[in-house]
Amino acid sequence: DLPRLGDVSGLRGVHLQCHIGTDTVSLARLGAQMSGLD
């Protein structure tokens, strides 16, 4: 979904139902300030 996500740098984001966090850390690597909840 990178073409749809666009630039997430600097955004404060939360990943709901994040399980073991691989998508969460991926968004953090793209520059978002991430939290995860499970």
Full PDB file with SEQRES, HELIX, SHEET, SSBOND, CRYST1, ORIGX, SCALE, CONECT and MASTER records, all heavy atoms in Angstrom:
SEQRES   1 A   38  ASP LEU PRO ARG LEU GLY ASP VAL SER GLY LEU ARG GLY          
SEQRES   2 A   38  VAL HIS LEU GLN CYS HIS ILE GLY THR ASP THR VAL SER          
SEQRES   3 A   38  LEU ALA ARG LEU GLY ALA GLN MET SER GLY LEU ASP              
HELIX    1 AA1 LEU A    2  LEU A    5  1                                   4    
HELIX    2 AA2 THR A   22  ARG A   29  1                                   8    
SHEET    1 AA1 2 ARG A  12  LEU A  16  0                                        
SHEET    2 AA1 2 GLN A  33  LEU A  37  1                                        
CRYST1    1.000    1.000    1.000  90.00  90.00  90.00 P 1           1          
ORIGX1      1.000000  0.000000  0.000000        0.00000                         
ORIGX2      0.000000  1.000000  0.000000        0.00000                         
ORIGX3      0.000000  0.000000  1.000000        0.00000                         
SCALE1      1.000000  0.000000  0.000000        0.00000                         
SCALE2      0.000000  1.000000  0.000000        0.00000                         
SCALE3      0.000000  0.000000  1.000000        0.00000                         
ATOM      1  N   ASP A   1       0.797  -1.227   0.000  1.00  0.00           N  
ATOM      2  CA  ASP A   1       0.000   0.000   0.000  1.00  0.00           C  
ATOM      3  C   ASP A   1       0.829   1.276   0.000  1.00  0.00           C  
ATOM      4  O   ASP A   1       0.273   2.369   0.196  1.00  0.00           O  
ATOM      5  CB  ASP A   1      -0.935   0.009   1.216  1.00  0.00           C  
ATOM      6  CG  ASP A   1      -2.262  -0.679   0.919  1.00  0.00           C  
ATOM      7  OD1 ASP A   1      -2.813  -0.436  -0.166  1.00  0.00           O  
ATOM      8  OD2 ASP A   1      -2.740  -1.457   1.760  1.00  0.00           O  
ATOM      9  N   LEU A   2       2.112   1.185  -0.241  1.00  0.00           N  
ATOM     10  CA  LEU A   2       2.944   2.393  -0.247  1.00  0.00           C  
ATOM     11  C   LEU A   2       2.415   3.478  -1.191  1.00  0.00           C  
ATOM     12  O   LEU A   2       2.400   4.657  -0.824  1.00  0.00           O  
ATOM     13  CB  LEU A   2       4.387   2.043  -0.619  1.00  0.00           C  
ATOM     14  CG  LEU A   2       5.260   1.481   0.503  1.00  0.00           C  
ATOM     15  CD1 LEU A   2       6.635   1.119  -0.041  1.00  0.00           C  
ATOM     16  CD2 LEU A   2       5.386   2.473   1.644  1.00  0.00           C  
ATOM     17  N   PRO A   3       1.960   3.136  -2.411  1.00  0.00           N  
ATOM     18  CA  PRO A   3       1.449   4.198  -3.290  1.00  0.00           C  
ATOM     19  C   PRO A   3       0.203   4.885  -2.723  1.00  0.00           C  
ATOM     20  O   PRO A   3      -0.079   6.034  -3.070  1.00  0.00           O  
ATOM     21  CB  PRO A   3       1.119   3.454  -4.588  1.00  0.00           C  
ATOM     22  CG  PRO A   3       1.929   2.199  -4.546  1.00  0.00           C  
ATOM     23  CD  PRO A   3       1.984   1.825  -3.105  1.00  0.00           C  
ATOM     24  N   ARG A   4      -0.548   4.192  -1.879  1.00  0.00           N  
ATOM     25  CA  ARG A   4      -1.781   4.749  -1.310  1.00  0.00           C  
ATOM     26  C   ARG A   4      -1.513   5.478   0.003  1.00  0.00           C  
ATOM     27  O   ARG A   4      -2.193   6.445   0.327  1.00  0.00           O  
ATOM     28  CB  ARG A   4      -2.806   3.634  -1.089  1.00  0.00           C  
ATOM     29  CG  ARG A   4      -3.138   2.873  -2.374  1.00  0.00           C  
ATOM     30  CD  ARG A   4      -3.874   1.570  -2.095  1.00  0.00           C  
ATOM     31  NE  ARG A   4      -4.002   0.772  -3.305  1.00  0.00           N  
ATOM     32  CZ  ARG A   4      -3.081  -0.071  -3.746  1.00  0.00           C  
ATOM     33  NH1 ARG A   4      -1.951  -0.249  -3.050  1.00  0.00           N  
ATOM     34  NH2 ARG A   4      -3.254  -0.736  -4.866  1.00  0.00           N  
ATOM     35  N   LEU A   5      -0.530   5.007   0.743  1.00  0.00           N  
ATOM     36  CA  LEU A   5      -0.201   5.624   2.027  1.00  0.00           C  
ATOM     37  C   LEU A   5       0.310   7.048   1.866  1.00  0.00           C  
ATOM     38  O   LEU A   5      -0.032   7.940   2.640  1.00  0.00           O  
ATOM     39  CB  LEU A   5       0.867   4.799   2.740  1.00  0.00           C  
ATOM     40  CG  LEU A   5       0.422   3.736   3.723  1.00  0.00           C  
ATOM     41  CD1 LEU A   5       1.617   2.890   4.149  1.00  0.00           C  
ATOM     42  CD2 LEU A   5      -0.255   4.345   4.935  1.00  0.00           C  
ATOM     43  N   GLY A   6       1.155   7.249   0.877  1.00  0.00           N  
ATOM     44  CA  GLY A   6       1.783   8.556   0.726  1.00  0.00           C  
ATOM     45  C   GLY A   6       2.818   8.770   1.822  1.00  0.00           C  
ATOM     46  O   GLY A   6       3.268   7.840   2.494  1.00  0.00           O  
ATOM     47  N   ASP A   7       3.187  10.000   2.040  1.00  0.00           N  
ATOM     48  CA  ASP A   7       4.212  10.365   3.021  1.00  0.00           C  
ATOM     49  C   ASP A   7       3.583  10.401   4.420  1.00  0.00           C  
ATOM     50  O   ASP A   7       2.679  11.186   4.688  1.00  0.00           O  
ATOM     51  CB  ASP A   7       4.800  11.726   2.669  1.00  0.00           C  
ATOM     52  CG  ASP A   7       5.962  12.118   3.579  1.00  0.00           C  
ATOM     53  OD1 ASP A   7       6.382  11.283   4.408  1.00  0.00           O  
ATOM     54  OD2 ASP A   7       6.432  13.259   3.473  1.00  0.00           O  
ATOM     55  N   VAL A   8       4.075   9.541   5.312  1.00  0.00           N  
ATOM     56  CA  VAL A   8       3.562   9.526   6.689  1.00  0.00           C  
ATOM     57  C   VAL A   8       4.567  10.115   7.667  1.00  0.00           C  
ATOM     58  O   VAL A   8       4.369  10.059   8.885  1.00  0.00           O  
ATOM     59  CB  VAL A   8       3.187   8.095   7.119  1.00  0.00           C  
ATOM     60  CG1 VAL A   8       2.064   7.554   6.253  1.00  0.00           C  
ATOM     61  CG2 VAL A   8       4.398   7.161   7.093  1.00  0.00           C  
ATOM     62  N   SER A   9       5.624  10.700   7.159  1.00  0.00           N  
ATOM     63  CA  SER A   9       6.668  11.265   8.020  1.00  0.00           C  
ATOM     64  C   SER A   9       6.084  12.285   8.991  1.00  0.00           C  
ATOM     65  O   SER A   9       5.347  13.189   8.588  1.00  0.00           O  
ATOM     66  CB  SER A   9       7.754  11.938   7.181  1.00  0.00           C  
ATOM     67  OG  SER A   9       8.387  11.008   6.334  1.00  0.00           O  
ATOM     68  N   GLY A  10       6.414  12.120  10.252  1.00  0.00           N  
ATOM     69  CA  GLY A  10       5.992  13.079  11.264  1.00  0.00           C  
ATOM     70  C   GLY A  10       4.585  12.897  11.790  1.00  0.00           C  
ATOM     71  O   GLY A  10       4.189  13.559  12.752  1.00  0.00           O  
ATOM     72  N   LEU A  11       3.808  12.004  11.179  1.00  0.00           N  
ATOM     73  CA  LEU A  11       2.449  11.781  11.648  1.00  0.00           C  
ATOM     74  C   LEU A  11       2.460  10.965  12.938  1.00  0.00           C  
ATOM     75  O   LEU A  11       3.245  10.030  13.093  1.00  0.00           O  
ATOM     76  CB  LEU A  11       1.619  11.045  10.598  1.00  0.00           C  
ATOM     77  CG  LEU A  11       1.385  11.751   9.257  1.00  0.00           C  
ATOM     78  CD1 LEU A  11       0.493  10.890   8.374  1.00  0.00           C  
ATOM     79  CD2 LEU A  11       0.767  13.115   9.470  1.00  0.00           C  
ATOM     80  N   ARG A  12       1.580  11.306  13.846  1.00  0.00           N  
ATOM     81  CA  ARG A  12       1.399  10.477  15.027  1.00  0.00           C  
ATOM     82  C   ARG A  12       0.353   9.424  14.697  1.00  0.00           C  
ATOM     83  O   ARG A  12      -0.801   9.755  14.393  1.00  0.00           O  
ATOM     84  CB  ARG A  12       0.946  11.308  16.229  1.00  0.00           C  
ATOM     85  CG  ARG A  12       0.947  10.482  17.516  1.00  0.00           C  
ATOM     86  CD  ARG A  12       0.561  11.263  18.735  1.00  0.00           C  
ATOM     87  NE  ARG A  12       0.691  10.423  19.926  1.00  0.00           N  
ATOM     88  CZ  ARG A  12       0.043  10.622  21.068  1.00  0.00           C  
ATOM     89  NH1 ARG A  12      -0.782  11.653  21.179  1.00  0.00           N  
ATOM     90  NH2 ARG A  12       0.218   9.807  22.083  1.00  0.00           N  
ATOM     91  N   GLY A  13       0.770   8.162  14.709  1.00  0.00           N  
ATOM     92  CA  GLY A  13      -0.114   7.101  14.274  1.00  0.00           C  
ATOM     93  C   GLY A  13      -0.281   6.015  15.312  1.00  0.00           C  
ATOM     94  O   GLY A  13       0.579   5.812  16.171  1.00  0.00           O  
ATOM     95  N   VAL A  14      -1.392   5.298  15.225  1.00  0.00           N  
ATOM     96  CA  VAL A  14      -1.630   4.140  16.075  1.00  0.00           C  
ATOM     97  C   VAL A  14      -2.104   2.982  15.207  1.00  0.00           C  
ATOM     98  O   VAL A  14      -2.937   3.159  14.318  1.00  0.00           O  
ATOM     99  CB  VAL A  14      -2.652   4.438  17.193  1.00  0.00           C  
ATOM    100  CG1 VAL A  14      -4.000   4.884  16.636  1.00  0.00           C  
ATOM    101  CG2 VAL A  14      -2.821   3.225  18.115  1.00  0.00           C  
ATOM    102  N   HIS A  15      -1.551   1.825  15.469  1.00  0.00           N  
ATOM    103  CA  HIS A  15      -1.917   0.602  14.772  1.00  0.00           C  
ATOM    104  C   HIS A  15      -2.786  -0.217  15.711  1.00  0.00           C  
ATOM    105  O   HIS A  15      -2.295  -0.737  16.729  1.00  0.00           O  
ATOM    106  CB  HIS A  15      -0.650  -0.161  14.381  1.00  0.00           C  
ATOM    107  CG  HIS A  15      -0.910  -1.450  13.674  1.00  0.00           C  
ATOM    108  ND1 HIS A  15       0.088  -2.342  13.375  1.00  0.00           N  
ATOM    109  CD2 HIS A  15      -2.058  -2.014  13.200  1.00  0.00           C  
ATOM    110  CE1 HIS A  15      -0.420  -3.393  12.767  1.00  0.00           C  
ATOM    111  NE2 HIS A  15      -1.722  -3.223  12.651  1.00  0.00           N  
ATOM    112  N   LEU A  16      -4.067  -0.334  15.411  1.00  0.00           N  
ATOM    113  CA  LEU A  16      -4.992  -1.094  16.235  1.00  0.00           C  
ATOM    114  C   LEU A  16      -4.895  -2.578  15.901  1.00  0.00           C  
ATOM    115  O   LEU A  16      -4.773  -2.944  14.744  1.00  0.00           O  
ATOM    116  CB  LEU A  16      -6.425  -0.605  16.021  1.00  0.00           C  
ATOM    117  CG  LEU A  16      -6.712   0.855  16.384  1.00  0.00           C  
ATOM    118  CD1 LEU A  16      -8.175   1.181  16.104  1.00  0.00           C  
ATOM    119  CD2 LEU A  16      -6.355   1.140  17.845  1.00  0.00           C  
ATOM    120  N   GLN A  17      -5.004  -3.415  16.944  1.00  0.00           N  
ATOM    121  CA  GLN A  17      -4.900  -4.873  16.789  1.00  0.00           C  
ATOM    122  C   GLN A  17      -3.599  -5.221  16.060  1.00  0.00           C  
ATOM    123  O   GLN A  17      -3.576  -5.900  15.044  1.00  0.00           O  
ATOM    124  CB  GLN A  17      -6.126  -5.419  16.056  1.00  0.00           C  
ATOM    125  CG  GLN A  17      -7.441  -5.170  16.828  1.00  0.00           C  
ATOM    126  CD  GLN A  17      -8.662  -5.466  16.003  1.00  0.00           C  
ATOM    127  OE1 GLN A  17      -9.148  -4.597  15.273  1.00  0.00           O  
ATOM    128  NE2 GLN A  17      -9.168  -6.692  16.093  1.00  0.00           N  
ATOM    129  N   CYS A  18      -2.505  -4.772  16.627  1.00  0.00           N  
ATOM    130  CA  CYS A  18      -1.206  -4.782  15.952  1.00  0.00           C  
ATOM    131  C   CYS A  18      -0.486  -6.123  16.014  1.00  0.00           C  
ATOM    132  O   CYS A  18       0.518  -6.310  15.331  1.00  0.00           O  
ATOM    133  CB  CYS A  18      -0.311  -3.699  16.539  1.00  0.00           C  
ATOM    134  SG  CYS A  18       0.122  -3.973  18.287  1.00  0.00           S  
ATOM    135  N   HIS A  19      -0.943  -7.059  16.838  1.00  0.00           N  
ATOM    136  CA  HIS A  19      -0.305  -8.359  17.010  1.00  0.00           C  
ATOM    137  C   HIS A  19       1.176  -8.162  17.361  1.00  0.00           C  
ATOM    138  O   HIS A  19       1.472  -7.422  18.293  1.00  0.00           O  
ATOM    139  CB  HIS A  19      -0.521  -9.233  15.775  1.00  0.00           C  
ATOM    140  CG  HIS A  19      -0.141 -10.669  15.962  1.00  0.00           C  
ATOM    141  ND1 HIS A  19      -0.386 -11.356  17.138  1.00  0.00           N  
ATOM    142  CD2 HIS A  19       0.498 -11.557  15.136  1.00  0.00           C  
ATOM    143  CE1 HIS A  19       0.064 -12.596  17.032  1.00  0.00           C  
ATOM    144  NE2 HIS A  19       0.598 -12.748  15.829  1.00  0.00           N  
ATOM    145  N   ILE A  20       2.116  -8.769  16.634  1.00  0.00           N  
ATOM    146  CA  ILE A  20       3.525  -8.697  17.031  1.00  0.00           C  
ATOM    147  C   ILE A  20       4.252  -7.503  16.414  1.00  0.00           C  
ATOM    148  O   ILE A  20       5.473  -7.391  16.508  1.00  0.00           O  
ATOM    149  CB  ILE A  20       4.276 -10.006  16.729  1.00  0.00           C  
ATOM    150  CG1 ILE A  20       4.280 -10.335  15.245  1.00  0.00           C  
ATOM    151  CG2 ILE A  20       3.677 -11.151  17.537  1.00  0.00           C  
ATOM    152  CD1 ILE A  20       5.167 -11.539  14.882  1.00  0.00           C  
ATOM    153  N   GLY A  21       3.519  -6.602  15.768  1.00  0.00           N  
ATOM    154  CA  GLY A  21       4.050  -5.284  15.468  1.00  0.00           C  
ATOM    155  C   GLY A  21       4.865  -5.108  14.207  1.00  0.00           C  
ATOM    156  O   GLY A  21       5.494  -4.058  14.022  1.00  0.00           O  
ATOM    157  N   THR A  22       4.831  -6.068  13.276  1.00  0.00           N  
ATOM    158  CA  THR A  22       5.656  -5.900  12.079  1.00  0.00           C  
ATOM    159  C   THR A  22       5.161  -4.766  11.182  1.00  0.00           C  
ATOM    160  O   THR A  22       5.972  -4.029  10.602  1.00  0.00           O  
ATOM    161  CB  THR A  22       5.729  -7.211  11.273  1.00  0.00           C  
ATOM    162  OG1 THR A  22       4.406  -7.722  11.078  1.00  0.00           O  
ATOM    163  CG2 THR A  22       6.558  -8.246  12.018  1.00  0.00           C  
ATOM    164  N   ASP A  23       3.854  -4.606  11.063  1.00  0.00           N  
ATOM    165  CA  ASP A  23       3.332  -3.466  10.290  1.00  0.00           C  
ATOM    166  C   ASP A  23       3.566  -2.161  11.048  1.00  0.00           C  
ATOM    167  O   ASP A  23       3.828  -1.116  10.435  1.00  0.00           O  
ATOM    168  CB  ASP A  23       1.837  -3.640  10.010  1.00  0.00           C  
ATOM    169  CG  ASP A  23       1.543  -4.801   9.079  1.00  0.00           C  
ATOM    170  OD1 ASP A  23       2.469  -5.262   8.383  1.00  0.00           O  
ATOM    171  OD2 ASP A  23       0.393  -5.254   9.050  1.00  0.00           O  
ATOM    172  N   THR A  24       3.485  -2.221  12.369  1.00  0.00           N  
ATOM    173  CA  THR A  24       3.695  -1.025  13.198  1.00  0.00           C  
ATOM    174  C   THR A  24       5.106  -0.488  13.015  1.00  0.00           C  
ATOM    175  O   THR A  24       5.305   0.716  12.789  1.00  0.00           O  
ATOM    176  CB  THR A  24       3.459  -1.348  14.686  1.00  0.00           C  
ATOM    177  OG1 THR A  24       2.441  -2.319  14.835  1.00  0.00           O  
ATOM    178  CG2 THR A  24       3.113  -0.092  15.460  1.00  0.00           C  
ATOM    179  N   VAL A  25       6.099  -1.368  13.122  1.00  0.00           N  
ATOM    180  CA  VAL A  25       7.485  -0.907  12.973  1.00  0.00           C  
ATOM    181  C   VAL A  25       7.771  -0.508  11.528  1.00  0.00           C  
ATOM    182  O   VAL A  25       8.619   0.359  11.277  1.00  0.00           O  
ATOM    183  CB  VAL A  25       8.492  -1.971  13.464  1.00  0.00           C  
ATOM    184  CG1 VAL A  25       8.252  -2.308  14.932  1.00  0.00           C  
ATOM    185  CG2 VAL A  25       8.470  -3.224  12.617  1.00  0.00           C  
ATOM    186  N   SER A  26       7.055  -1.101  10.588  1.00  0.00           N  
ATOM    187  CA  SER A  26       7.221  -0.692   9.190  1.00  0.00           C  
ATOM    188  C   SER A  26       6.796   0.759   8.997  1.00  0.00           C  
ATOM    189  O   SER A  26       7.481   1.534   8.317  1.00  0.00           O  
ATOM    190  CB  SER A  26       6.406  -1.604   8.277  1.00  0.00           C  
ATOM    191  OG  SER A  26       6.873  -2.931   8.333  1.00  0.00           O  
ATOM    192  N   LEU A  27       5.681   1.136   9.589  1.00  0.00           N  
ATOM    193  CA  LEU A  27       5.224   2.528   9.507  1.00  0.00           C  
ATOM    194  C   LEU A  27       6.189   3.461  10.231  1.00  0.00           C  
ATOM    195  O   LEU A  27       6.430   4.593   9.799  1.00  0.00           O  
ATOM    196  CB  LEU A  27       3.818   2.645  10.085  1.00  0.00           C  
ATOM    197  CG  LEU A  27       2.725   1.957   9.255  1.00  0.00           C  
ATOM    198  CD1 LEU A  27       1.437   1.832  10.060  1.00  0.00           C  
ATOM    199  CD2 LEU A  27       2.463   2.710   7.962  1.00  0.00           C  
ATOM    200  N   ALA A  28       6.771   2.982  11.331  1.00  0.00           N  
ATOM    201  CA  ALA A  28       7.773   3.790  12.030  1.00  0.00           C  
ATOM    202  C   ALA A  28       9.006   3.992  11.156  1.00  0.00           C  
ATOM    203  O   ALA A  28       9.602   5.084  11.147  1.00  0.00           O  
ATOM    204  CB  ALA A  28       8.152   3.115  13.347  1.00  0.00           C  
ATOM    205  N   ARG A  29       9.383   2.960  10.426  1.00  0.00           N  
ATOM    206  CA  ARG A  29      10.528   3.096   9.518  1.00  0.00           C  
ATOM    207  C   ARG A  29      10.243   4.070   8.382  1.00  0.00           C  
ATOM    208  O   ARG A  29      11.175   4.620   7.790  1.00  0.00           O  
ATOM    209  CB  ARG A  29      10.918   1.729   8.963  1.00  0.00           C  
ATOM    210  CG  ARG A  29      11.739   0.908   9.940  1.00  0.00           C  
ATOM    211  CD  ARG A  29      12.229  -0.399   9.365  1.00  0.00           C  
ATOM    212  NE  ARG A  29      13.317  -0.926  10.180  1.00  0.00           N  
ATOM    213  CZ  ARG A  29      13.924  -2.091   9.988  1.00  0.00           C  
ATOM    214  NH1 ARG A  29      13.540  -2.870   8.969  1.00  0.00           N  
ATOM    215  NH2 ARG A  29      14.902  -2.478  10.774  1.00  0.00           N  
ATOM    216  N   LEU A  30       8.972   4.273   8.092  1.00  0.00           N  
ATOM    217  CA  LEU A  30       8.597   5.257   7.072  1.00  0.00           C  
ATOM    218  C   LEU A  30       8.499   6.667   7.637  1.00  0.00           C  
ATOM    219  O   LEU A  30       8.174   7.601   6.911  1.00  0.00           O  
ATOM    220  CB  LEU A  30       7.269   4.855   6.433  1.00  0.00           C  
ATOM    221  CG  LEU A  30       7.288   3.567   5.598  1.00  0.00           C  
ATOM    222  CD1 LEU A  30       5.878   3.216   5.130  1.00  0.00           C  
ATOM    223  CD2 LEU A  30       8.225   3.692   4.400  1.00  0.00           C  
ATOM    224  N   GLY A  31       8.746   6.813   8.928  1.00  0.00           N  
ATOM    225  CA  GLY A  31       8.815   8.140   9.525  1.00  0.00           C  
ATOM    226  C   GLY A  31       7.679   8.530  10.429  1.00  0.00           C  
ATOM    227  O   GLY A  31       7.684   9.629  10.997  1.00  0.00           O  
ATOM    228  N   ALA A  32       6.671   7.657  10.591  1.00  0.00           N  
ATOM    229  CA  ALA A  32       5.561   7.975  11.484  1.00  0.00           C  
ATOM    230  C   ALA A  32       5.966   7.748  12.938  1.00  0.00           C  
ATOM    231  O   ALA A  32       6.796   6.888  13.242  1.00  0.00           O  
ATOM    232  CB  ALA A  32       4.345   7.120  11.147  1.00  0.00           C  
ATOM    233  N   GLN A  33       5.387   8.514  13.820  1.00  0.00           N  
ATOM    234  CA  GLN A  33       5.576   8.332  15.267  1.00  0.00           C  
ATOM    235  C   GLN A  33       4.491   7.363  15.744  1.00  0.00           C  
ATOM    236  O   GLN A  33       3.357   7.749  15.966  1.00  0.00           O  
ATOM    237  CB  GLN A  33       5.452   9.674  15.996  1.00  0.00           C  
ATOM    238  CG  GLN A  33       5.618   9.588  17.499  1.00  0.00           C  
ATOM    239  CD  GLN A  33       5.310  10.906  18.175  1.00  0.00           C  
ATOM    240  OE1 GLN A  33       5.262  11.961  17.537  1.00  0.00           O  
ATOM    241  NE2 GLN A  33       5.083  10.849  19.484  1.00  0.00           N  
ATOM    242  N   MET A  34       4.851   6.087  15.884  1.00  0.00           N  
ATOM    243  CA  MET A  34       3.844   5.052  16.013  1.00  0.00           C  
ATOM    244  C   MET A  34       3.640   4.539  17.438  1.00  0.00           C  
ATOM    245  O   MET A  34       4.567   4.435  18.234  1.00  0.00           O  
ATOM    246  CB  MET A  34       4.214   3.852  15.129  1.00  0.00           C  
ATOM    247  CG  MET A  34       4.116   4.113  13.642  1.00  0.00           C  
ATOM    248  SD  MET A  34       2.441   4.610  13.112  1.00  0.00           S  
ATOM    249  CE  MET A  34       1.479   3.168  13.613  1.00  0.00           C  
ATOM    250  N   SER A  35       2.368   4.204  17.698  1.00  0.00           N  
ATOM    251  CA  SER A  35       1.968   3.409  18.851  1.00  0.00           C  
ATOM    252  C   SER A  35       1.273   2.164  18.315  1.00  0.00           C  
ATOM    253  O   SER A  35       0.777   2.146  17.193  1.00  0.00           O  
ATOM    254  CB  SER A  35       1.005   4.184  19.755  1.00  0.00           C  
ATOM    255  OG  SER A  35       1.583   5.378  20.229  1.00  0.00           O  
ATOM    256  N   GLY A  36       1.234   1.134  19.143  1.00  0.00           N  
ATOM    257  CA  GLY A  36       0.516  -0.075  18.783  1.00  0.00           C  
ATOM    258  C   GLY A  36      -0.348  -0.529  19.934  1.00  0.00           C  
ATOM    259  O   GLY A  36       0.002  -0.311  21.099  1.00  0.00           O  
ATOM    260  N   LEU A  37      -1.479  -1.146  19.610  1.00  0.00           N  
ATOM    261  CA  LEU A  37      -2.388  -1.626  20.645  1.00  0.00           C  
ATOM    262  C   LEU A  37      -2.889  -3.014  20.280  1.00  0.00           C  
ATOM    263  O   LEU A  37      -3.281  -3.257  19.138  1.00  0.00           O  
ATOM    264  CB  LEU A  37      -3.557  -0.661  20.822  1.00  0.00           C  
ATOM    265  CG  LEU A  37      -4.585  -1.014  21.902  1.00  0.00           C  
ATOM    266  CD1 LEU A  37      -5.002   0.221  22.693  1.00  0.00           C  
ATOM    267  CD2 LEU A  37      -5.814  -1.694  21.299  1.00  0.00           C  
ATOM    268  N   ASP A  38      -2.858  -3.919  21.265  1.00  0.00           N  
ATOM    269  CA  ASP A  38      -3.365  -5.272  21.046  1.00  0.00           C  
ATOM    270  C   ASP A  38      -3.856  -5.824  22.380  1.00  0.00           C  
ATOM    271  O   ASP A  38      -3.342  -5.436  23.439  1.00  0.00           O  
ATOM    272  CB  ASP A  38      -2.265  -6.172  20.477  1.00  0.00           C  
ATOM    273  CG  ASP A  38      -2.835  -7.433  19.836  1.00  0.00           C  
ATOM    274  OD1 ASP A  38      -3.014  -8.432  20.556  1.00  0.00           O  
ATOM    275  OD2 ASP A  38      -3.109  -7.399  18.623  1.00  0.00           O  
TER     276      ASP A  38                                                      
MASTER        0    0    0    2    2    0    0    6  275    1    0    3          
END                                                                             
